C-alpha atoms as a PDB file:
ATOM      1  CA  LEU A   1      -9.933   5.126  -3.601  1.00  0.00           C
ATOM      2  CA  LEU A   2      -6.966   6.768  -2.002  1.00  0.00           C
ATOM      3  CA  LYS A   3      -9.753   9.104  -0.667  1.00  0.00           C
ATOM      4  CA  ASN A   4     -10.617   8.006   2.743  1.00  0.00           C
ATOM      5  CA  ASN A   5     -13.290   9.921   4.758  1.00  0.00           C
ATOM      6  CA  SER A   6     -16.471   8.642   6.493  1.00  0.00           C
ATOM      7  CA  SER A   7     -18.270   8.562   3.598  1.00  0.00           C
ATOM      8  CA  THR A   8     -16.039   6.199   2.044  1.00  0.00           C
ATOM      9  CA  PRO A   9     -15.057   2.836   2.726  1.00  0.00           C
ATOM     10  CA  SER A  10     -11.554   1.270   4.161  1.00  0.00           C
ATOM     11  CA  VAL A  11      -9.569  -0.521   1.648  1.00  0.00           C
ATOM     12  CA  GLU A  12      -8.282  -3.092   4.007  1.00  0.00           C
ATOM     13  CA  ARG A  13     -11.234  -3.592   5.655  1.00  0.00           C
ATOM     14  CA  THR A  14     -13.420  -4.419   2.178  1.00  0.00           C
ATOM     15  CA  LEU A  15     -10.778  -5.728  -0.197  1.00  0.00           C
ATOM     16  CA  PRO A  16      -8.894  -9.013  -0.181  1.00  0.00           C
ATOM     17  CA  PRO A  17      -4.933  -8.494  -0.706  1.00  0.00           C
ATOM     18  CA  VAL A  18      -3.665  -7.479  -3.908  1.00  0.00           C
ATOM     19  CA  LYS A  19      -3.152 -10.649  -5.030  1.00  0.00           C
ATOM     20  CA  HIS A  20      -6.770 -11.039  -5.912  1.00  0.00           C
ATOM     21  CA  TYR A  21      -6.426  -8.469  -8.718  1.00  0.00           C
ATOM     22  CA  VAL A  22      -3.376  -9.189 -10.502  1.00  0.00           C
ATOM     23  CA  SER A  23      -3.674  -9.634 -14.418  1.00  0.00           C
ATOM     24  CA  ARG A  24      -1.742 -12.510 -14.981  1.00  0.00           C
ATOM     25  CA  PHE A  25       1.499 -12.896 -16.974  1.00  0.00           C
ATOM     26  CA  SER A  26       0.548 -13.857 -20.493  1.00  0.00           C
ATOM     27  CA  HIS A  27       3.487 -14.177 -21.757  1.00  0.00           C
ATOM     28  CA  THR A  28       7.631 -14.385 -21.257  1.00  0.00           C
ATOM     29  CA  LEU A  29      10.300 -13.346 -23.513  1.00  0.00           C
ATOM     30  CA  SER A  30      14.472 -13.485 -22.728  1.00  0.00           C
ATOM     31  CA  ILE A  31      16.370 -10.671 -22.098  1.00  0.00           C
ATOM     32  CA  ASP A  32      18.140 -11.883 -25.089  1.00  0.00           C
ATOM     33  CA  ASP A  33      15.237 -11.611 -27.701  1.00  0.00           C
ATOM     34  CA  ARG A  34      14.355  -8.242 -29.805  1.00  0.00           C
ATOM     35  CA  VAL A  35      11.743  -5.521 -29.912  1.00  0.00           C
ATOM     36  CA  GLY A  36      10.430  -7.217 -32.987  1.00  0.00           C
ATOM     37  CA  ASP A  37       9.458  -9.996 -30.327  1.00  0.00           C
ATOM     38  CA  ALA A  38       7.486  -7.953 -28.347  1.00  0.00           C
ATOM     39  CA  LEU A  39       5.892  -5.991 -31.218  1.00  0.00           C
ATOM     40  CA  ASP A  40       5.076  -9.567 -33.111  1.00  0.00           C
ATOM     41  CA  LEU A  41       3.149 -10.347 -29.237  1.00  0.00           C
ATOM     42  CA  PHE A  42       1.372  -6.859 -29.022  1.00  0.00           C
ATOM     43  CA  ALA A  43      -0.093  -7.453 -32.396  1.00  0.00           C
ATOM     44  CA  ALA A  44      -1.099 -10.850 -32.359  1.00  0.00           C
ATOM     45  CA  ALA A  45      -3.032  -9.799 -29.240  1.00  0.00           C
ATOM     46  CA  GLY A  46      -5.007  -7.346 -31.956  1.00  0.00           C
ATOM     47  CA  GLY A  47      -5.132  -4.631 -29.463  1.00  0.00           C
ATOM     48  CA  ALA A  48      -7.842  -6.788 -27.180  1.00  0.00           C
ATOM     49  CA  ASN A  49      -5.928  -6.407 -24.242  1.00  0.00           C
ATOM     50  CA  SER A  50      -4.719  -3.033 -24.020  1.00  0.00           C
ATOM     51  CA  ALA A  51      -3.401  -4.099 -20.278  1.00  0.00           C
ATOM     52  CA  MET A  52      -1.191  -6.915 -21.854  1.00  0.00           C
ATOM     53  CA  VAL A  53       2.450  -6.539 -20.296  1.00  0.00           C
ATOM     54  CA  ILE A  54       5.162  -8.842 -21.086  1.00  0.00           C
ATOM     55  CA  MET A  55       7.353 -10.416 -18.020  1.00  0.00           C
ATOM     56  CA  VAL A  56      11.369  -9.781 -19.244  1.00  0.00           C
ATOM     57  CA  VAL A  57      13.413 -12.691 -17.247  1.00  0.00           C
ATOM     58  CA  LYS A  58      17.338 -13.244 -17.170  1.00  0.00           C
ATOM     59  CA  GLY A  59      18.493 -16.727 -15.760  1.00  0.00           C
ATOM     60  CA  GLY A  60      14.873 -17.145 -14.157  1.00  0.00           C
ATOM     61  CA  SER A  61      14.638 -13.445 -12.888  1.00  0.00           C
ATOM     62  CA  VAL A  62      12.550 -10.543 -14.023  1.00  0.00           C
ATOM     63  CA  VAL A  63      14.552  -8.104 -15.320  1.00  0.00           C
ATOM     64  CA  GLY A  64      12.023  -5.719 -16.471  1.00  0.00           C
ATOM     65  CA  ILE A  65       8.782  -5.398 -17.990  1.00  0.00           C
ATOM     66  CA  VAL A  66       7.580  -4.324 -21.459  1.00  0.00           C
ATOM     67  CA  SER A  67       3.738  -2.486 -22.102  1.00  0.00           C
ATOM     68  CA  GLN A  68       1.893  -1.410 -25.056  1.00  0.00           C
ATOM     69  CA  SER A  69       3.233   2.529 -23.207  1.00  0.00           C
ATOM     70  CA  ASP A  70       7.057   1.378 -23.653  1.00  0.00           C
ATOM     71  CA  LEU A  71       6.573   0.426 -27.149  1.00  0.00           C
ATOM     72  CA  ILE A  72       4.327   3.768 -28.121  1.00  0.00           C
ATOM     73  CA  ARG A  73       7.559   5.518 -26.421  1.00  0.00           C
ATOM     74  CA  ALA A  74      10.079   3.687 -28.323  1.00  0.00           C
ATOM     75  CA  PHE A  75       7.790   4.792 -31.810  1.00  0.00           C
ATOM     76  CA  HIS A  76       7.633   8.481 -30.518  1.00  0.00           C
ATOM     77  CA  THR A  77      11.706   8.637 -29.743  1.00  0.00           C
ATOM     78  CA  SER A  78      12.778   6.575 -33.093  1.00  0.00           C
ATOM     79  CA  ARG A  79      10.154   8.735 -35.320  1.00  0.00           C
ATOM     80  CA  PHE A  80       8.378   5.347 -36.333  1.00  0.00           C
ATOM     81  CA  GLY A  81       7.098   5.453 -39.493  1.00  0.00           C
ATOM     82  CA  ASN A  82       9.156   7.696 -41.215  1.00  0.00           C
ATOM     83  CA  SER A  83      11.048   4.827 -42.996  1.00  0.00           C
ATOM     84  CA  GLU A  84      10.772   1.363 -43.510  1.00  0.00           C
ATOM     85  CA  GLY A  85      14.785   1.645 -41.825  1.00  0.00           C
ATOM     86  CA  GLU A  86      13.751   2.947 -39.163  1.00  0.00           C
ATOM     87  CA  GLN A  87      11.105   0.324 -38.162  1.00  0.00           C
ATOM     88  CA  GLU A  88      13.321  -2.638 -39.213  1.00  0.00           C
ATOM     89  CA  ARG A  89      16.084  -1.141 -36.894  1.00  0.00           C
ATOM     90  CA  LEU A  90      13.602  -0.487 -34.016  1.00  0.00           C
ATOM     91  CA  ALA A  91      12.808  -4.235 -34.208  1.00  0.00           C
ATOM     92  CA  ALA A  92      15.985  -5.333 -34.341  1.00  0.00           C
ATOM     93  CA  ARG A  93      17.015  -3.290 -31.082  1.00  0.00           C
ATOM     94  CA  PRO A  94      17.254  -5.873 -27.993  1.00  0.00           C
ATOM     95  CA  LEU A  95      14.546  -6.193 -25.968  1.00  0.00           C
ATOM     96  CA  SER A  96      16.268  -4.501 -22.700  1.00  0.00           C
ATOM     97  CA  ALA A  97      16.685  -1.071 -25.297  1.00  0.00           C
ATOM     98  CA  LEU A  98      13.069  -0.291 -24.285  1.00  0.00           C
ATOM     99  CA  MET A  99      12.073  -2.149 -21.589  1.00  0.00           C
ATOM    100  CA  THR A 100      10.945  -0.710 -17.801  1.00  0.00           C
ATOM    101  CA  ASN A 101      14.031  -2.527 -16.284  1.00  0.00           C
ATOM    102  CA  CYS A 102      13.415  -0.693 -12.852  1.00  0.00           C
ATOM    103  CA  VAL A 103      10.649  -2.975 -11.755  1.00  0.00           C
ATOM    104  CA  LEU A 104       9.031  -2.394  -8.662  1.00  0.00           C
ATOM    105  CA  THR A 105       7.141  -4.970  -6.507  1.00  0.00           C
ATOM    106  CA  ILE A 106       5.135  -5.633  -4.212  1.00  0.00           C
ATOM    107  CA  GLU A 107       3.604  -8.747  -1.807  1.00  0.00           C
ATOM    108  CA  GLY A 108       0.550 -10.174  -2.666  1.00  0.00           C
ATOM    109  CA  SER A 109      -0.900  -9.711   0.534  1.00  0.00           C
ATOM    110  CA  GLN A 110      -0.386  -6.532   0.489  1.00  0.00           C
ATOM    111  CA  SER A 111      -3.631  -3.724   0.169  1.00  0.00           C
ATOM    112  CA  VAL A 112      -4.803  -2.480  -2.942  1.00  0.00           C
ATOM    113  CA  GLU A 113      -4.980   0.720  -1.123  1.00  0.00           C
ATOM    114  CA  ASP A 114      -0.704   0.222  -0.892  1.00  0.00           C
ATOM    115  CA  ALA A 115      -0.274  -0.597  -4.393  1.00  0.00           C
ATOM    116  CA  ALA A 116      -2.445   2.078  -5.394  1.00  0.00           C
ATOM    117  CA  ARG A 117      -0.696   4.524  -3.719  1.00  0.00           C
ATOM    118  CA  THR A 118       2.365   2.812  -4.976  1.00  0.00           C
ATOM    119  CA  LEU A 119       1.650   3.734  -8.744  1.00  0.00           C
ATOM    120  CA  LEU A 120       0.663   6.855  -7.946  1.00  0.00           C
ATOM    121  CA  ARG A 121       4.054   7.739  -5.782  1.00  0.00           C
ATOM    122  CA  GLU A 122       6.220   6.593  -8.204  1.00  0.00           C
ATOM    123  CA  LYS A 123       4.221   7.459 -11.354  1.00  0.00           C
ATOM    124  CA  VAL A 124       4.438   3.905 -13.139  1.00  0.00           C
ATOM    125  CA  HIS A 125       1.966   2.132 -14.921  1.00  0.00           C
ATOM    126  CA  ASN A 126       2.479  -1.374 -13.548  1.00  0.00           C
ATOM    127  CA  ILE A 127       3.480  -2.837 -10.533  1.00  0.00           C
ATOM    128  CA  VAL A 128       4.821  -7.000 -10.498  1.00  0.00           C
ATOM    129  CA  VAL A 129       3.004  -8.778  -7.550  1.00  0.00           C
ATOM    130  CA  VAL A 130       4.724 -11.107  -5.514  1.00  0.00           C
ATOM    131  CA  GLU A 131       4.526 -14.262  -4.025  1.00  0.00           C
ATOM    132  CA  ASP A 132       7.089 -16.403  -2.209  1.00  0.00           C
ATOM    133  CA  GLY A 133       9.391 -14.402  -4.121  1.00  0.00           C
ATOM    134  CA  GLN A 134       7.915 -15.453  -7.540  1.00  0.00           C
ATOM    135  CA  PRO A 135       6.109 -13.030  -9.778  1.00  0.00           C
ATOM    136  CA  ILE A 136       2.632 -13.350  -9.824  1.00  0.00           C
ATOM    137  CA  GLY A 137       1.078 -11.346 -12.243  1.00  0.00           C
ATOM    138  CA  VAL A 138       0.856  -7.275 -12.343  1.00  0.00           C
ATOM    139  CA  PHE A 139      -1.294  -4.920 -11.109  1.00  0.00           C
ATOM    140  CA  GLY A 140      -1.951  -1.429 -12.968  1.00  0.00           C
ATOM    141  CA  PRO A 141      -4.935   1.115 -13.202  1.00  0.00           C
ATOM    142  CA  GLY A 142      -6.984  -1.353 -14.779  1.00  0.00           C
ATOM    143  CA  GLN A 143      -6.485  -3.548 -11.544  1.00  0.00           C
ATOM    144  CA  VAL A 144      -7.550  -0.328  -9.575  1.00  0.00           C
ATOM    145  CA  PHE A 145     -10.273   0.211 -11.491  1.00  0.00           C
ATOM    146  CA  ARG A 146     -11.629  -3.741 -11.228  1.00  0.00           C
ATOM    147  CA  ALA A 147     -10.877  -3.438  -7.132  1.00  0.00           C
ATOM    148  CA  THR A 148     -13.020   0.170  -6.742  1.00  0.00           C
ATOM    149  CA  ALA A 149     -15.970  -0.918  -8.475  1.00  0.00           C
ATOM    150  CA  ASP A 150     -15.947  -3.711  -5.998  1.00  0.00           C
ATOM    151  CA  LEU A 151     -16.012  -1.341  -3.418  1.00  0.00           C
ATOM    152  CA  ARG A 152     -19.734  -0.543  -4.879  1.00  0.00           C
ATOM    153  CA  ILE A 153     -18.541   3.554  -3.577  1.00  0.00           C
ATOM    154  CA  GLU A 154     -21.373   5.977  -3.913  1.00  0.00           C
ATOM    155  CA  THR A 155     -19.312   9.017  -4.177  1.00  0.00           C
ATOM    156  CA  PRO A 156     -20.604  11.241  -7.232  1.00  0.00           C
ATOM    157  CA  LEU A 157     -18.152  11.102 -10.234  1.00  0.00           C
ATOM    158  CA  ARG A 158     -18.239  14.980  -9.624  1.00  0.00           C
ATOM    159  CA  ASP A 159     -16.021  14.962  -6.281  1.00  0.00           C
ATOM    160  CA  ILE A 160     -13.440  12.478  -7.966  1.00  0.00           C
ATOM    161  CA  MET A 161     -12.793  13.700 -11.965  1.00  0.00           C
ATOM    162  CA  THR A 162     -10.610  15.149 -12.971  1.00  0.00           C
ATOM    163  CA  ASN A 163     -11.592  19.047 -13.386  1.00  0.00           C
ATOM    164  CA  VAL A 164      -9.085  20.109 -16.571  1.00  0.00           C
ATOM    165  CA  ILE A 165     -10.083  18.351 -19.653  1.00  0.00           C
ATOM    166  CA  PHE A 166      -7.733  17.934 -22.550  1.00  0.00           C
ATOM    167  CA  GLU A 167      -9.275  17.286 -26.131  1.00  0.00           C
ATOM    168  CA  VAL A 168      -7.593  16.796 -29.470  1.00  0.00           C
ATOM    169  CA  ASP A 169      -9.088  16.435 -32.880  1.00  0.00           C
ATOM    170  CA  VAL A 170      -9.410  12.791 -34.073  1.00  0.00           C
ATOM    171  CA  LYS A 171      -7.273  13.484 -37.125  1.00  0.00           C
ATOM    172  CA  GLU A 172      -4.495  14.651 -35.094  1.00  0.00           C
ATOM    173  CA  SER A 173      -1.236  12.089 -35.202  1.00  0.00           C
ATOM    174  CA  LEU A 174      -0.212   9.919 -32.474  1.00  0.00           C
ATOM    175  CA  ARG A 175       3.204  11.903 -32.513  1.00  0.00           C
ATOM    176  CA  SER A 176       1.041  15.018 -31.764  1.00  0.00           C
ATOM    177  CA  GLY A 177      -0.927  13.383 -28.815  1.00  0.00           C
ATOM    178  CA  LEU A 178       1.991  11.957 -27.588  1.00  0.00           C
ATOM    179  CA  ARG A 179       3.551  15.576 -27.550  1.00  0.00           C
ATOM    180  CA  PHE A 180       0.592  17.341 -26.100  1.00  0.00           C
ATOM    181  CA  LEU A 181       0.434  14.771 -23.515  1.00  0.00           C
ATOM    182  CA  GLN A 182       4.770  15.360 -22.567  1.00  0.00           C
ATOM    183  CA  SER A 183       3.752  18.987 -22.472  1.00  0.00           C
ATOM    184  CA  ALA A 184       0.732  19.054 -20.820  1.00  0.00           C
ATOM    185  CA  GLY A 185       2.095  16.590 -18.319  1.00  0.00           C
ATOM    186  CA  VAL A 186      -1.060  14.723 -18.295  1.00  0.00           C
ATOM    187  CA  ARG A 187      -1.725  10.680 -18.549  1.00  0.00           C
ATOM    188  CA  ASN A 188      -5.337  10.997 -20.680  1.00  0.00           C
ATOM    189  CA  LEU A 189      -6.939  13.077 -23.565  1.00  0.00           C
ATOM    190  CA  VAL A 190     -10.317  13.519 -24.815  1.00  0.00           C
ATOM    191  CA  VAL A 191     -10.299  12.675 -28.732  1.00  0.00           C
ATOM    192  CA  ARG A 192     -13.162  14.032 -30.402  1.00  0.00           C
ATOM    193  CA  ASP A 193     -14.503  13.490 -34.125  1.00  0.00           C
END
């Protein structure tokens, strides 16, 4: 998507603006809510929407977002699962303790390429898309893939794939996988069975 040579069409000429690719906020929580409230919303989704993002508001303004990545990071750093007490303490913490509170925004009229470049540059998973000053949804990797599919780019995968593949065994713990991601400085692992 970000490659711009003669064999790849220009994104600005072939794609509608970023607002056409947003994932709408399906849930909104207050800054006064607890981590447990976010856990309940993600659990109710049943993993069906791994890209779900919860908007956190205070006085009608967006002050943060909560994603599954935020929850996983919270579990990992709090030694979640070591005891029921740890689990309860995490659920009782204020939402502000785990939300991403540096919310990056982009105007809905901006290009998909601008949004994708911002994701890469800022090393974030989601950008809040706004129109007339109001949030209309989020743009993240899933939306980048949708936009790329719309381009119908014929570039062979070998030209854009990641050359280094990190594998972990399916029996490894989530904690072990997270540590490996962090130490290797990568975002994805291939899990083999």
